[in-house]
Amino acid sequence: MKWQTKITEMTNIEYPIIMGAFAIIGKAEFTAAFSNAGGLGILTAINFKTIEEFTEEIKKVKELTNKPWGINFTISPPISNKQGKNLGRDEDSYLQFLNIAIDEGVKIFTTSAYNAKKIGERIQDAECYWFHKCSTIKHAKSAEKAGVDAITLVGLEGTGFKNPYQNTTLVNLTMAKKLLNIPIIAAGGIGDARGFLGALFMGAEAVCFGTAIIPTKESLASDYWKKKIIRQNIFDDKFHKKVFHYALKESLDASMAAGHCEKIISIEDFIKNSIIEQSEEIIKNCSFL
């Protein structure tokens, strides 16, 4: 079947599947492999300290794939700079990176962590797409007002830094579909075909995978990191507390999607077999459709 949504139409990708933005491992090889498998690979700008490194990495992605891909800019909140936390960079320091990417022909950009209106305006001035990641409906509505082309909405089941007012993926998606007028990309604890289909049925135009793709062959994660996710008991009390009680910090802890990670497979196997083929089989055998 043809997987056509507003996001696939914007990005020209085969499947409505987007790669999460990863510190450390969000580099050319992983990005290109994800795009070659039919999704939207994402290069993460925070991984590169200099313009020269960043430019070389963009060129490397272009050598490895002719499929669509994008770049993420993790925007540092002002308070984190004062506290010495390394959550990203401010908007101004990214503008030169952004201009290089635009000159190199990149058409899709994602932003996260903090508002990015200045970067977003530059993206859209260049007639490129701007997707922004949010953890709450309140922030999603603000981003919509700022003019983003789509929102990635992360549910409480996801990994990363938490917001005390964050809701679950189910509540996020169903309420966002009611309150927002722009395309929604689902994220947070999704790791298999049923979660993927469920997100689309709840109103998402694409799904962003994070934890679920770390233990893939092309992932640049260490063997220790991959095995830690595969062996993670998501029902462990301590793990549950870290994920659902806002105690998840910068660590190797995964999202609840770890429960679907059973072995190391290729990214193509994950996207085309674990997600797409199984989703099509579910649809084929679904009695209420």
Protein backbone atom coordinates (compact mmCIF):
# COMPACT_ATOMS: atom_id res chain seq x y z
CA MET A 1 0.00 0.00 0.00
CA LYS A 2 1.03 3.61 -0.43
CA TRP A 3 1.70 5.43 2.82
CA GLN A 4 0.63 8.95 1.98
CA THR A 5 0.18 11.61 4.65
CA LYS A 6 0.70 15.36 4.88
CA ILE A 7 4.23 14.71 6.16
CA THR A 8 5.18 12.35 3.32
CA GLU A 9 3.85 14.93 0.89
CA MET A 10 5.95 17.69 2.49
CA THR A 11 9.14 15.68 2.71
CA ASN A 12 8.79 13.27 -0.24
CA ILE A 13 9.66 10.28 1.95
CA GLU A 14 8.31 6.80 1.27
CA TYR A 15 6.95 6.09 4.75
CA PRO A 16 5.65 8.47 7.46
CA ILE A 17 8.59 7.58 9.69
CA ILE A 18 11.09 10.08 11.11
CA MET A 19 14.37 9.53 12.89
CA GLY A 20 14.78 11.04 16.33
CA ALA A 21 17.45 13.69 16.91
CA PHE A 22 20.32 12.01 18.75
CA ALA A 23 23.26 13.49 20.57
CA ILE A 24 26.45 11.48 19.93
CA ILE A 25 25.00 9.06 17.34
CA GLY A 26 22.99 11.38 15.09
CA LYS A 27 25.68 11.49 12.41
CA ALA A 28 25.97 10.89 8.67
CA GLU A 29 26.06 7.09 8.52
CA PHE A 30 22.99 6.62 10.72
CA THR A 31 21.11 9.47 9.06
CA ALA A 32 21.70 8.15 5.55
CA ALA A 33 20.84 4.56 6.47
CA PHE A 34 17.52 5.70 7.89
CA SER A 35 16.68 7.68 4.76
CA ASN A 36 17.76 4.86 2.46
CA ALA A 37 15.28 2.60 4.27
CA GLY A 38 12.40 4.94 3.39
CA GLY A 39 12.19 7.23 6.41
CA LEU A 40 13.45 10.74 7.08
CA GLY A 41 16.97 10.60 8.49
CA ILE A 42 17.97 13.41 10.84
CA LEU A 43 21.48 14.78 11.29
CA THR A 44 21.91 16.41 14.71
CA ALA A 45 23.86 19.66 14.60
CA ILE A 46 24.80 19.64 18.29
CA ASN A 47 27.25 16.81 17.52
CA PHE A 48 29.58 19.17 15.61
CA LYS A 49 31.71 21.83 17.27
CA THR A 50 32.88 23.68 14.18
CA ILE A 51 31.43 24.84 10.88
CA GLU A 52 34.08 22.77 9.09
CA GLU A 53 33.04 19.55 10.86
CA PHE A 54 29.38 20.27 10.20
CA THR A 55 29.93 21.02 6.51
CA GLU A 56 31.93 17.82 6.01
CA GLU A 57 29.19 15.80 7.68
CA ILE A 58 26.53 17.29 5.40
CA LYS A 59 28.65 16.38 2.37
CA LYS A 60 29.05 12.85 3.75
CA VAL A 61 25.29 12.39 4.09
CA LYS A 62 24.85 13.57 0.50
CA GLU A 63 27.40 10.98 -0.64
CA LEU A 64 25.62 8.18 1.23
CA THR A 65 22.01 8.86 0.18
CA ASN A 66 19.99 10.58 -2.52
CA LYS A 67 16.84 10.31 -0.43
CA PRO A 68 15.32 13.17 1.62
CA TRP A 69 16.84 13.91 5.03
CA GLY A 70 16.89 16.74 7.52
CA ILE A 71 18.87 18.49 10.25
CA ASN A 72 17.99 19.12 13.88
CA PHE A 73 18.98 22.15 15.92
CA THR A 74 18.73 21.69 19.69
CA ILE A 75 18.11 25.15 21.12
CA SER A 76 19.45 25.82 24.58
CA PRO A 77 17.08 27.54 27.04
CA PRO A 78 18.68 30.69 28.55
CA ILE A 79 18.54 29.25 32.09
CA SER A 80 20.60 26.20 31.08
CA ASN A 81 23.43 28.45 29.91
CA LYS A 82 23.46 30.21 33.29
CA GLN A 83 23.54 26.86 35.09
CA GLY A 84 26.29 25.50 32.84
CA LYS A 85 24.14 22.71 31.42
CA ASN A 86 24.96 21.48 27.93
CA LEU A 87 21.48 21.14 26.43
CA GLY A 88 22.30 22.70 23.07
CA ARG A 89 23.30 26.07 21.64
CA ASP A 90 21.47 29.36 21.44
CA GLU A 91 19.82 30.45 18.20
CA ASP A 92 22.49 32.93 17.17
CA SER A 93 25.27 30.36 17.32
CA TYR A 94 23.26 28.07 15.04
CA LEU A 95 22.51 30.64 12.34
CA GLN A 96 25.80 30.12 10.53
CA PHE A 97 25.27 26.35 10.68
CA LEU A 98 21.77 26.85 9.28
CA ASN A 99 22.98 29.03 6.43
CA ILE A 100 25.56 26.41 5.45
CA ALA A 101 22.88 23.71 5.45
CA ILE A 102 20.56 25.81 3.29
CA ASP A 103 23.38 26.52 0.84
CA GLU A 104 24.05 22.76 0.68
CA GLY A 105 20.44 22.16 -0.36
CA VAL A 106 18.93 20.80 2.87
CA LYS A 107 15.16 21.36 2.79
CA ILE A 108 13.87 19.99 6.11
CA PHE A 109 14.82 21.24 9.56
CA THR A 110 13.69 20.29 13.04
CA THR A 111 14.17 22.28 16.23
CA SER A 112 13.84 21.18 19.83
CA ALA A 113 14.40 21.97 23.53
CA TYR A 114 13.45 25.66 23.37
CA ASN A 115 11.58 28.05 21.09
CA ALA A 116 13.35 28.80 17.83
CA LYS A 117 11.45 31.62 16.15
CA LYS A 118 14.54 33.32 14.71
CA ILE A 119 15.82 30.08 13.20
CA GLY A 120 12.33 29.15 12.04
CA GLU A 121 11.91 32.44 10.19
CA ARG A 122 15.23 31.91 8.40
CA ILE A 123 14.20 28.35 7.48
CA GLN A 124 10.95 29.51 5.98
CA ASP A 125 12.53 32.51 4.24
CA ALA A 126 14.60 29.92 2.39
CA GLU A 127 11.38 28.06 1.46
CA CYS A 128 12.31 25.06 3.59
CA TYR A 129 10.18 23.14 6.11
CA TRP A 130 10.34 23.76 9.86
CA PHE A 131 9.22 21.07 12.34
CA HIS A 132 9.41 21.83 16.08
CA LYS A 133 9.41 19.28 18.92
CA CYS A 134 7.22 19.96 21.98
CA SER A 135 6.34 18.05 25.14
CA THR A 136 3.09 19.85 25.97
CA ILE A 137 0.02 21.05 24.09
CA LYS A 138 0.63 24.56 25.44
CA HIS A 139 4.05 24.68 23.80
CA ALA A 140 2.66 23.12 20.63
CA LYS A 141 0.04 25.87 20.35
CA SER A 142 2.74 28.51 20.82
CA ALA A 143 4.84 26.89 18.11
CA GLU A 144 1.86 26.79 15.77
CA LYS A 145 1.33 30.50 16.39
CA ALA A 146 5.02 31.08 15.58
CA GLY A 147 4.42 29.54 12.17
CA VAL A 148 5.92 26.05 12.27
CA ASP A 149 4.97 23.67 9.46
CA ALA A 150 4.48 20.67 11.77
CA ILE A 151 4.80 19.69 15.43
CA THR A 152 6.54 16.66 16.90
CA LEU A 153 4.65 15.99 20.13
CA VAL A 154 6.46 13.83 22.68
CA GLY A 155 4.45 11.80 25.16
CA LEU A 156 5.46 11.09 28.75
CA GLU A 157 6.50 7.56 27.73
CA GLY A 158 9.41 9.02 25.79
CA THR A 159 12.99 9.58 26.80
CA GLY A 160 14.84 12.84 27.42
CA PHE A 161 14.18 15.72 29.77
CA LYS A 162 10.66 15.86 31.17
CA ASN A 163 8.12 18.61 31.59
CA PRO A 164 6.05 18.44 34.82
CA TYR A 165 2.89 19.08 32.78
CA GLN A 166 3.62 16.52 30.06
CA ASN A 167 0.82 14.11 29.11
CA THR A 168 0.90 10.63 27.67
CA THR A 169 1.21 9.98 23.95
CA LEU A 170 -2.47 9.02 23.71
CA VAL A 171 -3.71 12.21 25.39
CA ASN A 172 -1.22 14.36 23.47
CA LEU A 173 -2.30 13.06 20.08
CA THR A 174 -6.05 13.04 20.55
CA MET A 175 -6.07 16.50 22.10
CA ALA A 176 -3.59 17.91 19.60
CA LYS A 177 -5.76 16.72 16.75
CA LYS A 178 -8.62 18.64 18.33
CA LEU A 179 -6.68 21.83 19.18
CA LEU A 180 -4.08 22.21 16.42
CA ASN A 181 -4.48 22.90 12.72
CA ILE A 182 -1.05 21.76 11.55
CA PRO A 183 0.34 18.24 11.02
CA ILE A 184 1.36 16.29 14.12
CA ILE A 185 4.31 13.90 14.37
CA ALA A 186 3.93 11.40 17.20
CA ALA A 187 6.75 10.47 19.57
CA GLY A 188 7.09 8.83 22.96
CA GLY A 189 7.24 5.13 23.73
CA ILE A 190 6.33 3.92 20.23
CA GLY A 191 8.32 0.88 19.17
CA ASP A 192 6.25 -1.49 17.06
CA ALA A 193 3.68 -1.67 14.27
CA ARG A 194 0.67 -1.43 16.58
CA GLY A 195 2.03 1.70 18.22
CA PHE A 196 2.82 3.15 14.79
CA LEU A 197 -0.68 2.45 13.46
CA GLY A 198 -2.28 3.59 16.69
CA ALA A 199 -0.52 6.95 16.45
CA LEU A 200 -1.70 7.41 12.86
CA PHE A 201 -5.27 6.46 13.78
CA MET A 202 -5.15 9.00 16.63
CA GLY A 203 -4.32 11.75 14.20
CA ALA A 204 -0.57 11.76 13.63
CA GLU A 205 0.77 12.32 10.12
CA ALA A 206 4.04 10.53 10.96
CA VAL A 207 5.83 8.81 13.81
CA CYS A 208 9.26 9.73 15.18
CA PHE A 209 11.28 6.79 16.50
CA GLY A 210 14.05 7.17 19.07
CA THR A 211 14.79 4.35 21.51
CA ALA A 212 13.45 1.70 19.12
CA ILE A 213 16.13 2.40 16.51
CA ILE A 214 19.14 2.69 18.81
CA PRO A 215 19.76 -1.09 18.83
CA THR A 216 20.02 -1.34 15.03
CA LYS A 217 23.10 -2.41 13.09
CA GLU A 218 23.63 1.00 11.52
CA SER A 219 23.21 2.89 14.79
CA LEU A 220 26.46 4.38 16.07
CA ALA A 221 25.54 3.47 19.65
CA SER A 222 27.99 1.28 21.54
CA ASP A 223 27.29 -2.42 21.99
CA TYR A 224 26.82 -1.72 25.70
CA TRP A 225 24.14 0.89 24.95
CA LYS A 226 22.33 -1.38 22.49
CA LYS A 227 22.38 -4.37 24.83
CA LYS A 228 21.22 -2.22 27.75
CA ILE A 229 18.09 -1.28 25.79
CA ILE A 230 17.43 -4.84 24.61
CA ARG A 231 17.75 -6.17 28.17
CA GLN A 232 15.75 -3.37 29.79
CA ASN A 233 12.79 -4.51 31.85
CA ILE A 234 10.33 -1.65 31.32
CA PHE A 235 8.27 -2.86 34.28
CA ASP A 236 11.17 -2.49 36.69
CA ASP A 237 10.19 -0.11 39.51
CA LYS A 238 13.30 2.06 39.22
CA PHE A 239 13.00 2.35 35.44
CA HIS A 240 9.31 3.17 35.71
CA LYS A 241 10.10 5.92 38.20
CA LYS A 242 12.76 7.41 35.95
CA VAL A 243 10.43 7.56 32.95
CA PHE A 244 7.11 8.53 34.51
CA HIS A 245 8.20 10.57 37.52
CA TYR A 246 10.39 13.11 35.75
CA ALA A 247 13.63 11.58 36.99
CA LEU A 248 15.10 10.82 33.56
CA LYS A 249 18.25 12.89 33.03
CA GLU A 250 21.15 12.70 30.57
CA SER A 251 21.88 8.98 30.72
CA LEU A 252 21.69 5.77 28.75
CA ASP A 253 18.17 5.12 29.96
CA ALA A 254 15.65 4.36 27.24
CA SER A 255 11.98 5.13 26.71
CA MET A 256 9.20 2.62 27.21
CA ALA A 257 9.76 1.60 23.57
CA ALA A 258 12.63 -0.53 24.90
CA GLY A 259 10.05 -3.21 25.64
CA HIS A 260 9.79 -3.84 21.90
CA CYS A 261 13.55 -4.18 21.34
CA GLU A 262 14.48 -7.86 21.29
CA LYS A 263 17.60 -8.12 19.14
CA ILE A 264 19.92 -6.08 16.95
CA ILE A 265 18.49 -5.78 13.43
CA SER A 266 19.19 -3.57 10.43
CA ILE A 267 17.39 -0.26 10.15
CA GLU A 268 15.85 -1.47 6.88
CA ASP A 269 14.52 -4.57 8.65
CA PHE A 270 13.08 -2.39 11.41
CA ILE A 271 11.31 0.06 9.08
CA LYS A 272 10.20 -2.23 6.27
CA ASN A 273 9.48 -5.43 8.18
CA SER A 274 8.87 -4.63 11.86
CA ILE A 275 6.83 -1.50 11.13
CA ILE A 276 5.51 -1.32 7.56
CA GLU A 277 4.91 -4.97 6.64
CA GLN A 278 3.46 -5.80 10.06
CA SER A 279 1.25 -2.70 9.91
CA GLU A 280 -0.07 -3.73 6.50
CA GLU A 281 -0.77 -7.22 7.83
CA ILE A 282 -2.67 -5.77 10.80
CA ILE A 283 -4.73 -3.58 8.48
CA LYS A 284 -5.43 -6.51 6.17
CA ASN A 285 -6.75 -8.63 9.04
CA CYS A 286 -8.57 -5.84 10.90
CA SER A 287 -12.26 -6.73 11.05
CA PHE A 288 -13.60 -3.25 11.79
CA LEU A 289 -12.04 -1.47 8.77
